[in-house]
N, C-alpha and C. Protein backbone atom coordinates (compact mmCIF):
# COMPACT_ATOMS: atom_id res chain seq x y z
N MET A 1 -19.69 48.60 -79.10
CA MET A 1 -19.05 49.52 -78.04
C MET A 1 -19.06 49.15 -76.61
N LYS A 2 -20.59 48.80 -76.68
CA LYS A 2 -20.65 48.06 -74.76
C LYS A 2 -19.76 47.36 -74.88
N LYS A 3 -19.48 46.32 -75.57
CA LYS A 3 -18.56 45.24 -74.76
C LYS A 3 -17.25 45.79 -75.08
N ILE A 4 -16.80 46.81 -75.69
CA ILE A 4 -15.12 47.34 -74.94
C ILE A 4 -15.32 48.02 -74.12
N VAL A 5 -16.29 48.83 -73.45
CA VAL A 5 -16.61 49.26 -72.28
C VAL A 5 -16.38 48.44 -71.55
N SER A 6 -16.98 47.16 -71.54
CA SER A 6 -17.08 46.44 -70.51
C SER A 6 -15.73 45.62 -70.27
N LEU A 7 -15.12 45.71 -71.46
CA LEU A 7 -13.97 44.98 -71.03
C LEU A 7 -12.76 45.74 -70.31
N ALA A 8 -12.95 46.93 -70.82
CA ALA A 8 -12.05 48.19 -70.01
C ALA A 8 -12.18 47.97 -68.93
N VAL A 9 -13.32 48.10 -68.48
CA VAL A 9 -14.07 48.05 -66.75
C VAL A 9 -13.27 46.97 -66.13
N LEU A 10 -13.54 45.37 -66.45
CA LEU A 10 -13.26 44.34 -66.08
C LEU A 10 -11.46 44.55 -65.95
N ALA A 11 -10.99 45.14 -67.24
CA ALA A 11 -9.28 45.16 -66.72
C ALA A 11 -8.91 45.67 -65.53
N VAL A 12 -9.62 47.11 -65.39
CA VAL A 12 -9.21 48.14 -64.26
C VAL A 12 -9.46 47.26 -63.15
N PHE A 13 -10.74 47.01 -63.06
CA PHE A 13 -11.07 45.99 -61.35
C PHE A 13 -9.96 45.01 -61.68
N SER A 14 -9.49 44.28 -62.34
CA SER A 14 -8.58 42.76 -62.13
C SER A 14 -7.37 43.95 -61.57
N SER A 15 -6.98 44.31 -62.02
CA SER A 15 -5.32 45.10 -61.73
C SER A 15 -5.56 45.59 -60.93
N SER A 16 -6.90 46.53 -59.96
CA SER A 16 -6.77 46.81 -58.83
C SER A 16 -6.40 45.63 -57.96
N PHE A 17 -6.94 44.77 -57.95
CA PHE A 17 -7.25 43.58 -57.12
C PHE A 17 -5.75 42.95 -56.95
N VAL A 18 -5.06 42.39 -57.90
CA VAL A 18 -4.08 42.54 -57.84
C VAL A 18 -2.94 43.34 -57.26
N SER A 19 -3.39 44.90 -57.26
CA SER A 19 -2.28 45.23 -56.63
C SER A 19 -2.76 45.58 -55.27
N ALA A 20 -3.96 45.39 -54.76
CA ALA A 20 -4.18 45.31 -53.50
C ALA A 20 -3.94 44.31 -52.95
N LYS A 21 -3.99 42.66 -53.57
CA LYS A 21 -3.32 41.58 -52.97
C LYS A 21 -1.72 41.54 -52.74
N SER A 22 -0.96 41.81 -54.23
CA SER A 22 0.15 41.50 -53.84
C SER A 22 1.03 42.59 -53.75
N PRO A 23 2.37 42.09 -52.94
CA PRO A 23 3.08 43.73 -52.26
C PRO A 23 3.78 43.42 -53.22
N SER A 24 3.94 45.16 -53.27
CA SER A 24 5.36 45.79 -54.36
C SER A 24 6.66 45.81 -54.08
N MET A 25 7.39 45.85 -54.92
CA MET A 25 8.94 46.05 -54.66
C MET A 25 8.83 46.64 -53.86
N GLU A 26 8.73 47.97 -53.17
CA GLU A 26 8.64 48.50 -52.32
C GLU A 26 8.49 48.00 -50.89
N ASP A 27 7.29 47.28 -50.90
CA ASP A 27 6.43 46.18 -49.62
C ASP A 27 7.83 45.76 -49.58
N LEU A 28 8.21 44.73 -50.52
CA LEU A 28 9.54 43.89 -50.33
C LEU A 28 10.46 44.35 -50.04
N LYS A 29 11.26 45.25 -49.65
CA LYS A 29 12.51 46.07 -49.47
C LYS A 29 12.07 46.62 -48.27
N ALA A 30 10.90 47.13 -47.95
CA ALA A 30 10.75 47.60 -46.96
C ALA A 30 10.54 46.86 -45.85
N GLY A 31 9.93 45.67 -46.06
CA GLY A 31 9.83 44.42 -44.96
C GLY A 31 8.79 44.79 -44.37
N THR A 32 7.20 45.76 -44.95
CA THR A 32 6.15 45.81 -44.06
C THR A 32 5.35 44.82 -44.43
N PHE A 33 5.21 43.76 -45.48
CA PHE A 33 4.45 42.62 -44.94
C PHE A 33 5.25 41.57 -44.11
N SER A 34 4.35 40.43 -43.62
CA SER A 34 4.62 39.49 -42.88
C SER A 34 4.11 37.90 -43.28
N VAL A 35 4.77 37.21 -43.02
CA VAL A 35 4.14 35.76 -43.23
C VAL A 35 4.09 35.22 -42.17
N ASN A 36 3.01 34.45 -41.72
CA ASN A 36 2.74 33.57 -40.74
C ASN A 36 2.72 32.25 -40.78
N ILE A 37 3.62 31.89 -40.18
CA ILE A 37 4.40 30.34 -39.96
C ILE A 37 3.65 30.00 -38.60
N LYS A 38 2.81 28.44 -39.16
CA LYS A 38 2.05 27.80 -38.27
C LYS A 38 3.11 27.32 -37.54
N GLN A 39 2.94 27.71 -36.04
CA GLN A 39 3.76 26.70 -34.82
C GLN A 39 3.26 25.33 -34.59
N GLU A 40 4.77 24.69 -34.70
CA GLU A 40 4.11 22.96 -34.11
C GLU A 40 3.35 22.98 -33.03
N VAL A 41 2.30 21.88 -33.17
CA VAL A 41 1.86 21.88 -31.71
C VAL A 41 2.58 20.46 -30.83
N ALA A 42 3.09 20.88 -29.62
CA ALA A 42 3.55 20.36 -28.95
C ALA A 42 3.00 18.69 -28.62
N LEU A 43 3.12 17.51 -28.83
CA LEU A 43 2.45 16.28 -28.33
C LEU A 43 2.60 16.12 -26.75
N PRO A 44 1.46 15.99 -26.07
CA PRO A 44 1.64 15.47 -24.99
C PRO A 44 2.75 14.56 -24.28
N VAL A 45 3.30 14.36 -23.57
CA VAL A 45 4.00 13.24 -23.52
C VAL A 45 3.62 12.52 -22.02
N PRO A 46 3.13 11.24 -22.82
CA PRO A 46 2.71 10.22 -21.69
C PRO A 46 3.61 10.10 -20.45
N SER A 47 3.27 9.73 -19.07
CA SER A 47 3.63 9.72 -17.85
C SER A 47 4.29 8.36 -17.78
N ALA A 48 5.11 8.35 -16.86
CA ALA A 48 5.96 6.94 -16.62
C ALA A 48 5.07 6.15 -15.72
N PRO A 49 4.48 4.94 -16.03
CA PRO A 49 3.77 4.73 -14.99
C PRO A 49 4.07 4.44 -13.46
N VAL A 50 2.88 4.35 -12.63
CA VAL A 50 3.30 4.27 -11.25
C VAL A 50 2.89 2.95 -10.82
N LYS A 51 3.90 2.63 -10.15
CA LYS A 51 4.35 1.61 -9.32
C LYS A 51 3.11 1.32 -8.26
N ASP A 52 2.37 0.28 -7.85
CA ASP A 52 1.38 0.19 -6.95
C ASP A 52 2.38 0.24 -5.57
N GLU A 53 1.99 0.94 -4.68
CA GLU A 53 2.67 0.45 -3.53
C GLU A 53 1.69 -0.43 -3.19
N VAL A 54 2.59 -1.32 -2.25
CA VAL A 54 1.79 -2.42 -1.20
C VAL A 54 1.52 -1.68 0.00
N GLY A 55 0.14 -1.80 0.59
CA GLY A 55 0.14 -1.35 1.88
C GLY A 55 0.42 -2.07 2.80
N GLN A 56 0.28 -1.32 4.17
CA GLN A 56 1.06 -2.22 5.28
C GLN A 56 -0.46 -3.34 5.75
N ASP A 57 -1.19 -3.17 4.98
CA ASP A 57 -2.17 -3.61 5.70
C ASP A 57 -1.97 -4.94 4.81
N LEU A 58 -1.49 -4.66 4.05
CA LEU A 58 -2.02 -6.14 3.08
C LEU A 58 -0.59 -6.89 3.47
N VAL A 59 0.31 -6.30 4.05
CA VAL A 59 1.87 -6.92 4.79
C VAL A 59 1.13 -7.85 5.75
N TYR A 60 0.52 -6.90 6.59
CA TYR A 60 0.38 -7.48 7.69
C TYR A 60 -0.28 -9.04 7.81
N LYS A 61 -1.51 -8.93 6.62
CA LYS A 61 -2.53 -10.25 6.71
C LYS A 61 -1.42 -11.60 6.22
N PHE A 62 -0.50 -11.15 4.96
CA PHE A 62 0.22 -12.22 4.87
C PHE A 62 1.33 -12.60 6.13
N GLN A 63 2.06 -11.71 6.60
CA GLN A 63 2.74 -11.80 7.94
C GLN A 63 1.70 -12.84 8.81
N ARG A 64 0.20 -12.38 9.30
CA ARG A 64 -0.02 -13.24 10.37
C ARG A 64 -0.87 -14.56 9.57
N LEU A 65 -0.90 -14.72 8.48
CA LEU A 65 -1.29 -15.98 7.76
C LEU A 65 0.20 -17.13 8.16
N LYS A 66 1.25 -16.43 7.94
CA LYS A 66 2.78 -17.25 8.08
C LYS A 66 2.62 -17.41 9.47
N ASP A 67 2.53 -16.38 10.42
CA ASP A 67 2.81 -16.88 12.08
C ASP A 67 1.80 -17.91 12.86
N ASP A 68 0.45 -18.03 11.99
CA ASP A 68 -0.47 -18.85 12.21
C ASP A 68 -0.22 -20.12 11.59
N LEU A 69 0.29 -20.26 10.61
CA LEU A 69 0.48 -21.53 9.84
C LEU A 69 2.24 -22.18 10.84
N TRP A 70 2.84 -20.93 11.31
CA TRP A 70 4.18 -21.75 11.56
C TRP A 70 3.37 -22.11 13.03
N ARG A 71 2.50 -21.64 14.44
CA ARG A 71 2.50 -22.11 15.33
C ARG A 71 1.54 -23.52 15.03
N LEU A 72 0.63 -23.74 13.90
CA LEU A 72 0.13 -24.92 13.70
C LEU A 72 0.98 -26.04 13.77
N ASN A 73 2.54 -25.44 12.70
CA ASN A 73 3.16 -26.62 12.41
C ASN A 73 3.96 -26.80 13.52
N SER A 74 4.18 -25.94 14.77
CA SER A 74 4.79 -26.18 16.10
C SER A 74 4.23 -27.39 16.63
N ASP A 75 3.19 -27.38 16.74
CA ASP A 75 2.12 -27.98 17.77
C ASP A 75 1.80 -28.91 17.20
N THR A 76 1.70 -29.37 16.20
CA THR A 76 1.83 -30.66 15.53
C THR A 76 3.09 -31.53 15.00
N THR A 77 4.55 -30.97 15.67
CA THR A 77 5.36 -31.75 15.36
C THR A 77 5.46 -32.49 16.00
N TRP A 78 5.14 -33.14 17.04
CA TRP A 78 4.99 -34.68 17.94
C TRP A 78 3.55 -35.24 17.80
N LEU A 79 2.86 -34.78 16.87
CA LEU A 79 1.22 -35.37 16.99
C LEU A 79 1.42 -36.69 16.51
N ARG A 80 2.29 -37.24 15.59
CA ARG A 80 2.40 -38.53 15.24
C ARG A 80 2.89 -39.32 16.02
N ASN A 81 3.57 -39.20 16.94
CA ASN A 81 4.58 -39.87 17.98
C ASN A 81 3.41 -39.74 19.30
N ASP A 82 2.87 -39.16 19.36
CA ASP A 82 1.36 -38.93 20.46
C ASP A 82 0.30 -39.97 20.21
N ILE A 83 0.27 -39.85 18.84
CA ILE A 83 -1.02 -41.05 18.46
C ILE A 83 -0.22 -42.34 18.35
N ASP A 84 1.02 -42.88 18.08
CA ASP A 84 1.11 -44.04 18.21
C ASP A 84 1.87 -44.62 19.64
N ARG A 85 1.71 -43.65 20.66
CA ARG A 85 1.95 -43.90 21.98
C ARG A 85 0.51 -44.36 22.24
N LEU A 86 -0.78 -43.92 22.39
CA LEU A 86 -1.93 -43.72 21.97
C LEU A 86 -2.48 -45.51 21.52
N GLU A 87 -1.89 -45.80 20.54
CA GLU A 87 -1.83 -46.96 19.92
C GLU A 87 -0.87 -48.63 20.47
N GLN A 88 -0.10 -47.78 21.00
CA GLN A 88 0.92 -49.04 21.82
C GLN A 88 0.09 -49.00 22.76
N ASP A 89 -0.33 -48.15 23.62
CA ASP A 89 -1.38 -48.63 24.83
C ASP A 89 -2.25 -49.39 24.81
N ALA A 90 -2.97 -49.25 23.18
CA ALA A 90 -4.40 -49.97 23.18
C ALA A 90 -3.81 -51.13 23.11
N ARG A 91 -2.82 -51.50 22.31
CA ARG A 91 -2.27 -52.97 22.11
C ARG A 91 -2.06 -53.55 23.56
N ARG A 92 -1.28 -52.51 24.67
CA ARG A 92 -0.92 -53.47 25.80
C ARG A 92 -2.26 -53.80 26.60
N ILE A 93 -2.94 -52.76 26.51
CA ILE A 93 -4.82 -53.25 27.19
C ILE A 93 -5.10 -54.87 26.37
N ALA A 94 -5.10 -54.73 25.38
CA ALA A 94 -5.40 -55.63 24.62
C ALA A 94 -5.10 -57.15 25.06
N GLN A 95 -3.61 -56.89 25.79
CA GLN A 95 -2.97 -57.97 26.16
C GLN A 95 -3.08 -58.40 27.63
N GLY A 96 -4.06 -57.37 28.33
CA GLY A 96 -4.23 -57.73 29.38
C GLY A 96 -3.55 -56.64 30.70
N SER A 97 -2.81 -56.00 29.93
CA SER A 97 -2.27 -55.14 30.80
C SER A 97 -3.34 -53.49 31.19
N SER A 98 -2.71 -52.90 32.11
CA SER A 98 -3.96 -52.00 32.81
C SER A 98 -3.32 -50.42 31.85
N ALA A 99 -4.20 -49.55 31.71
CA ALA A 99 -3.51 -48.01 30.71
C ALA A 99 -4.76 -47.36 32.00
N ALA A 100 -4.61 -47.10 33.12
CA ALA A 100 -5.35 -45.77 33.91
C ALA A 100 -5.62 -44.23 33.23
N PHE A 101 -5.02 -43.95 32.58
CA PHE A 101 -5.27 -43.08 31.40
C PHE A 101 -5.36 -43.19 30.34
N PHE A 102 -5.88 -44.63 29.54
CA PHE A 102 -5.95 -44.06 28.03
C PHE A 102 -7.07 -43.88 27.40
N SER A 103 -8.40 -43.90 28.14
CA SER A 103 -9.88 -43.25 28.01
C SER A 103 -9.64 -41.50 28.10
N SER A 104 -8.75 -41.09 29.24
CA SER A 104 -8.52 -39.54 29.01
C SER A 104 -7.46 -39.06 27.91
N ASP A 105 -6.90 -40.00 27.58
CA ASP A 105 -5.96 -39.65 26.69
C ASP A 105 -6.23 -39.46 25.17
N LEU A 106 -6.83 -40.52 25.16
CA LEU A 106 -7.91 -40.81 24.16
C LEU A 106 -8.86 -39.59 23.67
N ARG A 107 -9.59 -39.06 24.68
CA ARG A 107 -10.46 -38.05 24.73
C ARG A 107 -9.59 -36.65 24.22
N ASN A 108 -8.52 -36.72 25.07
CA ASN A 108 -7.43 -35.33 24.57
C ASN A 108 -7.32 -35.13 23.31
N MET A 109 -6.53 -36.55 23.17
CA MET A 109 -6.32 -36.34 21.33
C MET A 109 -7.78 -35.76 20.75
N SER A 110 -9.18 -36.47 20.96
CA SER A 110 -9.77 -36.13 19.87
C SER A 110 -10.18 -34.56 20.06
N PHE A 111 -9.97 -34.08 20.95
CA PHE A 111 -10.11 -32.74 21.24
C PHE A 111 -9.20 -31.83 20.45
N ASN A 112 -7.79 -32.52 20.79
CA ASN A 112 -6.80 -31.24 19.75
C ASN A 112 -7.00 -31.72 18.39
N MET A 113 -7.79 -32.89 18.11
CA MET A 113 -7.64 -32.69 16.38
C MET A 113 -8.74 -32.28 15.94
N SER A 114 -10.12 -31.92 16.83
CA SER A 114 -10.89 -31.05 16.81
C SER A 114 -10.48 -29.70 16.23
N ARG A 115 -9.25 -29.34 17.29
CA ARG A 115 -9.16 -27.87 17.28
C ARG A 115 -8.08 -27.67 16.18
N TYR A 116 -7.42 -28.86 15.65
CA TYR A 116 -6.82 -28.34 14.52
C TYR A 116 -7.32 -28.50 13.30
N TYR A 117 -8.18 -29.14 13.10
CA TYR A 117 -9.34 -28.87 11.90
C TYR A 117 -9.97 -27.69 11.77
N ASN A 118 -10.43 -27.32 13.06
CA ASN A 118 -11.12 -25.93 13.07
C ASN A 118 -10.13 -24.71 12.52
N ASP A 119 -8.79 -24.80 13.25
CA ASP A 119 -7.67 -24.20 12.86
C ASP A 119 -7.36 -24.08 11.25
N ILE A 120 -7.18 -25.17 10.73
CA ILE A 120 -6.87 -25.32 9.22
C ILE A 120 -7.92 -25.04 8.54
N GLN A 121 -9.13 -25.20 8.56
CA GLN A 121 -10.34 -24.57 8.21
C GLN A 121 -10.03 -23.11 7.93
N ARG A 122 -9.56 -22.55 8.92
CA ARG A 122 -9.92 -20.98 9.30
C ARG A 122 -8.71 -20.33 8.63
N LEU A 123 -7.44 -21.11 8.44
CA LEU A 123 -6.03 -20.94 7.84
C LEU A 123 -6.57 -20.63 6.07
N SER A 124 -7.30 -21.99 6.03
CA SER A 124 -7.73 -22.29 4.41
C SER A 124 -8.27 -20.98 3.84
N GLN A 125 -9.54 -20.55 4.53
CA GLN A 125 -10.15 -19.53 4.04
C GLN A 125 -9.12 -18.23 4.04
N ASP A 126 -8.77 -17.74 5.02
CA ASP A 126 -7.57 -16.82 5.06
C ASP A 126 -6.82 -17.01 3.73
N LEU A 127 -6.11 -17.88 3.53
CA LEU A 127 -5.44 -18.10 2.34
C LEU A 127 -5.96 -17.69 1.02
N LYS A 128 -7.30 -18.49 0.96
CA LYS A 128 -7.83 -18.12 -0.34
C LYS A 128 -8.55 -16.77 -0.58
N ALA A 129 -8.71 -15.79 0.65
CA ALA A 129 -8.89 -14.43 0.59
C ALA A 129 -7.68 -13.88 0.34
N LEU A 130 -6.44 -14.17 0.23
CA LEU A 130 -5.03 -13.36 -0.06
C LEU A 130 -5.38 -13.72 -1.79
N LEU A 131 -5.90 -14.34 -2.39
CA LEU A 131 -5.38 -14.85 -3.64
C LEU A 131 -5.68 -13.33 -4.47
N PRO A 132 -7.03 -12.52 -4.16
CA PRO A 132 -7.51 -12.05 -5.11
C PRO A 132 -6.86 -10.64 -4.39
N LEU A 133 -6.11 -10.54 -2.80
CA LEU A 133 -5.20 -9.41 -3.10
C LEU A 133 -4.05 -9.15 -3.46
N ALA A 134 -3.13 -10.29 -3.83
CA ALA A 134 -1.88 -10.48 -4.07
C ALA A 134 -1.58 -9.60 -5.22
N LYS A 135 -0.16 -9.08 -5.03
CA LYS A 135 0.56 -8.40 -6.18
C LYS A 135 1.71 -8.66 -5.95
N LYS A 136 2.27 -8.40 -7.25
CA LYS A 136 4.25 -8.73 -7.58
C LYS A 136 4.90 -7.96 -6.85
N ASP A 137 5.40 -8.27 -5.36
CA ASP A 137 6.11 -7.63 -4.83
C ASP A 137 7.14 -8.62 -4.18
N GLU A 138 8.30 -7.62 -3.60
CA GLU A 138 9.52 -8.76 -3.32
C GLU A 138 9.36 -9.35 -2.02
N LYS A 139 8.66 -8.40 -1.37
CA LYS A 139 8.42 -8.44 0.31
C LYS A 139 7.24 -9.51 0.50
N LEU A 140 6.26 -9.16 -0.43
CA LEU A 140 5.23 -10.26 -0.45
C LEU A 140 5.61 -11.56 -0.61
N ASN A 141 6.36 -11.77 -1.99
CA ASN A 141 6.58 -13.10 -2.61
C ASN A 141 7.68 -13.64 -1.30
N LYS A 142 8.37 -13.17 -0.47
CA LYS A 142 9.16 -13.68 0.04
C LYS A 142 8.69 -14.28 1.46
N ILE A 143 7.46 -13.57 2.09
CA ILE A 143 6.53 -14.21 2.70
C ILE A 143 5.53 -15.13 2.21
N ALA A 144 5.01 -14.93 1.05
CA ALA A 144 4.52 -16.20 0.48
C ALA A 144 5.11 -17.57 -0.04
N SER A 145 6.44 -17.10 0.06
CA SER A 145 7.09 -18.42 -0.27
C SER A 145 7.45 -19.11 1.35
N ASP A 146 7.65 -18.63 2.64
CA ASP A 146 7.58 -19.11 3.78
C ASP A 146 6.28 -19.89 3.94
N ILE A 147 5.09 -19.26 3.36
CA ILE A 147 3.68 -19.74 3.57
C ILE A 147 3.71 -21.48 2.91
N GLU A 148 3.95 -21.03 1.49
CA GLU A 148 4.07 -22.29 0.68
C GLU A 148 4.83 -23.60 1.60
N TRP A 149 6.03 -23.11 2.13
CA TRP A 149 6.98 -24.09 2.78
C TRP A 149 6.19 -24.76 4.45
N ASP A 150 5.27 -23.98 4.86
CA ASP A 150 4.62 -24.31 6.13
C ASP A 150 3.47 -25.37 5.82
N ILE A 151 3.07 -24.62 4.70
CA ILE A 151 1.93 -25.24 4.45
C ILE A 151 2.16 -27.10 3.38
N ARG A 152 3.23 -27.03 2.87
CA ARG A 152 4.23 -28.43 2.34
C ARG A 152 4.19 -29.10 3.33
N ASP A 153 4.74 -28.59 4.43
CA ASP A 153 5.23 -29.64 5.54
C ASP A 153 3.90 -30.11 6.52
N LEU A 154 2.61 -29.45 6.91
CA LEU A 154 2.01 -29.63 7.27
C LEU A 154 1.19 -30.98 6.17
N ASP A 155 0.96 -30.38 5.24
CA ASP A 155 0.31 -31.39 4.38
C ASP A 155 1.10 -33.16 4.32
N ASN A 156 2.99 -32.68 4.29
CA ASN A 156 3.54 -34.08 4.10
C ASN A 156 3.16 -34.95 5.56
N ARG A 157 2.95 -33.85 6.82
CA ARG A 157 3.01 -34.51 8.03
C ARG A 157 1.75 -35.40 8.16
N PHE A 158 0.53 -34.77 7.49
CA PHE A 158 -0.81 -35.23 8.25
C PHE A 158 -0.97 -36.06 7.04
N ASN A 159 -0.63 -36.36 5.57
CA ASN A 159 -1.07 -37.36 4.47
C ASN A 159 -0.22 -38.43 4.78
N PHE A 160 1.25 -38.32 5.39
CA PHE A 160 2.19 -39.59 5.43
C PHE A 160 2.24 -39.91 6.69
N ASP A 161 2.15 -39.33 8.18
CA ASP A 161 2.31 -39.49 9.22
C ASP A 161 0.95 -39.74 10.07
N VAL A 162 0.38 -38.55 10.11
CA VAL A 162 -0.77 -38.33 11.17
C VAL A 162 -2.09 -39.43 10.26
N LYS A 163 -2.39 -39.47 9.32
CA LYS A 163 -3.59 -39.79 8.78
C LYS A 163 -3.23 -41.37 9.29
N ASN A 164 -2.07 -41.69 8.72
CA ASN A 164 -1.82 -43.32 8.61
C ASN A 164 -2.05 -44.04 10.73
N SER A 165 -1.11 -43.03 11.23
CA SER A 165 -1.05 -43.30 12.76
C SER A 165 -2.62 -43.54 12.89
N SER A 166 -3.13 -42.48 12.72
CA SER A 166 -4.85 -42.47 12.95
C SER A 166 -5.47 -43.59 12.93
N GLN A 167 -5.37 -44.16 11.73
CA GLN A 167 -5.99 -45.19 11.14
C GLN A 167 -5.69 -46.46 12.06
N ASN A 168 -4.26 -46.80 12.68
CA ASN A 168 -3.76 -47.58 12.82
C ASN A 168 -4.38 -47.59 14.26
N LEU A 169 -4.74 -46.57 15.12
CA LEU A 169 -5.17 -46.38 16.39
C LEU A 169 -6.51 -47.02 16.34
N GLU A 170 -7.70 -46.29 15.44
CA GLU A 170 -9.23 -46.67 14.87
C GLU A 170 -8.74 -48.40 15.31
N TRP A 171 -8.26 -48.91 14.17
CA TRP A 171 -8.20 -50.35 14.11
C TRP A 171 -7.90 -51.28 15.20
N THR A 172 -6.97 -50.68 15.91
CA THR A 172 -6.49 -51.13 16.73
C THR A 172 -7.82 -51.53 18.00
N VAL A 173 -8.13 -50.08 18.63
CA VAL A 173 -9.17 -50.07 19.63
C VAL A 173 -10.52 -50.72 19.16
N ARG A 174 -10.72 -51.18 17.67
CA ARG A 174 -12.06 -51.38 17.30
C ARG A 174 -12.03 -52.90 17.50
N ARG A 175 -10.31 -53.59 17.41
CA ARG A 175 -10.30 -54.83 17.78
C ARG A 175 -10.69 -55.43 19.17
N ILE A 176 -10.50 -54.51 19.88
CA ILE A 176 -10.40 -54.79 21.63
C ILE A 176 -12.27 -54.70 22.08
N ASP A 177 -12.48 -55.53 22.49
CA ASP A 177 -13.69 -55.91 23.25
C ASP A 177 -14.15 -54.27 24.20
N PRO A 178 -14.84 -53.75 23.89
CA PRO A 178 -15.53 -52.88 24.39
C PRO A 178 -15.65 -52.67 26.07
N LYS A 179 -16.04 -54.08 26.94
CA LYS A 179 -16.00 -53.66 28.27
C LYS A 179 -14.52 -53.71 28.60
N ILE A 180 -13.76 -54.15 27.76
CA ILE A 180 -12.19 -54.09 28.73
C ILE A 180 -11.77 -52.79 27.95
N ILE A 181 -11.73 -51.80 27.41
CA ILE A 181 -11.40 -50.64 26.55
C ILE A 181 -12.16 -49.62 26.99
N GLY A 182 -13.44 -49.35 26.96
CA GLY A 182 -14.48 -48.56 27.35
C GLY A 182 -15.37 -48.86 26.03
N TYR A 183 -16.68 -48.21 26.28
CA TYR A 183 -17.17 -48.50 25.11
C TYR A 183 -17.48 -47.01 24.26
N ASP A 184 -16.92 -45.67 24.98
CA ASP A 184 -16.77 -45.02 23.90
C ASP A 184 -15.03 -44.88 23.61
N ALA A 185 -14.43 -45.67 23.72
CA ALA A 185 -13.18 -45.55 23.31
C ALA A 185 -13.32 -45.93 21.77
N GLN A 186 -14.04 -46.62 20.95
CA GLN A 186 -14.21 -46.83 19.53
C GLN A 186 -14.55 -45.49 18.86
N TRP A 187 -15.51 -44.91 19.42
CA TRP A 187 -16.31 -43.54 18.59
C TRP A 187 -15.21 -43.00 18.59
N THR A 188 -14.32 -42.55 19.90
CA THR A 188 -13.38 -41.35 19.70
C THR A 188 -11.97 -41.64 18.84
N ALA A 189 -11.92 -42.95 18.94
CA ALA A 189 -10.36 -43.34 18.03
C ALA A 189 -11.26 -43.06 16.57
N GLY A 190 -12.47 -43.58 16.05
CA GLY A 190 -12.94 -43.11 15.08
C GLY A 190 -13.34 -41.92 14.60
N ASP A 191 -13.45 -41.09 15.99
CA ASP A 191 -13.42 -39.34 15.24
C ASP A 191 -11.80 -39.13 15.44
N ILE A 192 -11.13 -39.11 15.60
CA ILE A 192 -9.50 -38.92 15.73
C ILE A 192 -8.87 -39.14 14.28
N SER A 193 -9.42 -40.24 13.66
CA SER A 193 -8.95 -40.82 12.61
C SER A 193 -9.94 -39.82 11.00
N ARG A 194 -10.95 -39.92 11.61
CA ARG A 194 -11.71 -38.73 10.41
C ARG A 194 -10.97 -37.64 10.81
N TYR A 195 -10.97 -36.90 11.60
CA TYR A 195 -10.35 -35.81 11.79
C TYR A 195 -9.03 -35.18 10.90
N ALA A 196 -7.76 -36.81 10.98
CA ALA A 196 -6.88 -36.68 10.35
C ALA A 196 -7.31 -36.69 9.05
N ARG A 197 -8.00 -37.54 8.57
CA ARG A 197 -8.20 -37.44 7.11
C ARG A 197 -8.92 -36.00 6.74
N ASP A 198 -9.35 -35.53 7.32
CA ASP A 198 -10.02 -34.19 6.77
C ASP A 198 -9.55 -33.10 6.85
N ILE A 199 -8.27 -33.34 7.48
CA ILE A 199 -7.29 -32.53 7.83
C ILE A 199 -6.44 -32.31 6.83
N ALA A 200 -5.87 -33.80 6.61
CA ALA A 200 -5.09 -33.72 5.13
C ALA A 200 -5.55 -33.83 3.96
N TRP A 201 -6.52 -33.66 3.44
CA TRP A 201 -7.48 -33.41 2.32
C TRP A 201 -7.48 -31.83 2.57
N LYS A 202 -7.75 -30.73 3.51
CA LYS A 202 -7.43 -29.61 3.40
C LYS A 202 -6.33 -29.21 2.97
N THR A 203 -5.36 -29.36 3.52
CA THR A 203 -4.07 -29.01 3.66
C THR A 203 -3.51 -29.50 2.08
N ASN A 204 -3.98 -30.60 1.82
CA ASN A 204 -3.56 -30.64 0.35
C ASN A 204 -4.13 -29.97 -0.71
N ASP A 205 -5.57 -29.08 -0.25
CA ASP A 205 -6.12 -28.17 -1.16
C ASP A 205 -4.91 -27.08 -1.11
N MET A 206 -4.90 -26.54 0.22
CA MET A 206 -4.20 -25.67 0.31
C MET A 206 -2.68 -25.00 -0.06
N ARG A 207 -2.45 -26.60 -0.54
CA ARG A 207 -0.99 -26.53 -1.17
C ARG A 207 -0.86 -26.08 -2.25
N TRP A 208 -1.98 -25.88 -3.24
CA TRP A 208 -2.23 -25.70 -4.48
C TRP A 208 -2.86 -23.80 -4.35
N ASP A 209 -3.52 -23.83 -3.58
CA ASP A 209 -3.54 -22.58 -2.97
C ASP A 209 -2.28 -21.58 -2.92
N ALA A 210 -1.13 -22.04 -1.81
CA ALA A 210 0.11 -21.38 -1.66
C ALA A 210 0.89 -21.44 -2.81
N GLN A 211 0.58 -22.28 -3.78
CA GLN A 211 2.06 -22.10 -4.72
C GLN A 211 1.32 -21.11 -6.07
N LYS A 212 -0.24 -21.01 -5.79
CA LYS A 212 -0.36 -19.88 -6.81
C LYS A 212 -0.11 -18.31 -6.53
N LEU A 213 -0.06 -18.52 -4.77
CA LEU A 213 0.19 -17.29 -3.74
C LEU A 213 1.47 -17.00 -4.33
N ASN A 214 2.09 -17.85 -4.38
CA ASN A 214 3.82 -17.71 -4.31
C ASN A 214 4.08 -17.09 -6.16
N ASP A 215 3.15 -17.79 -7.03
CA ASP A 215 3.62 -17.25 -8.07
C ASP A 215 2.76 -15.94 -8.79
N ILE A 216 1.63 -15.66 -7.85
CA ILE A 216 1.37 -14.38 -8.33
C ILE A 216 2.15 -12.73 -7.63
N THR A 217 2.61 -13.53 -6.63
CA THR A 217 3.36 -12.32 -5.76
C THR A 217 4.99 -12.24 -6.88
N ARG A 218 5.03 -13.23 -7.27
CA ARG A 218 6.77 -13.60 -7.87
C ARG A 218 7.11 -11.97 -8.44
N PRO A 219 7.82 -11.13 -8.14
CA PRO A 219 8.44 -9.67 -9.21
C PRO A 219 8.47 -10.29 -10.48
């Protein structure tokens, strides 16, 4: 008997629960129930990459190096001819001719070569400093191309012209009796030749850096 009563209570409870959870036909017709539809979440759209702007300060550094190289190129255009003229004067002295200004001209040439060496040292450091700052940019690349051309001209001039002429000058002076040409002439001619070799070595090193700078800035 208890089992029958329990089953009856369970049946009543189940029907009440279903009635509470399930919409009736009248509810369907009246539209009193609502269906929640999960809205689609909009994914964020990645923004377009922003192109790095080249600062005016960087352009100025490129332009300043180009201008300094151009000035050095202009100053050394006739350098080989001037050294060859000194070597010819030394030959005339060896043959007994006089050259009143030879010692003075030789010292001036040594002074100029020292100045050119200091300039090329500074320009080499400026060029290396630009490498980590360089960016792909059309304007920078145009300046970098000009820099590479100027350094190539300097390298060819010192490695194939000035270095050989300076060496010939030193050899000619050293063959002359110091009592005739002057005791300090051999040392001065040796300094000129040494500066020429050092500059030629430095311009060759700069040539690789200039090529690298041109490649980095190419858009």
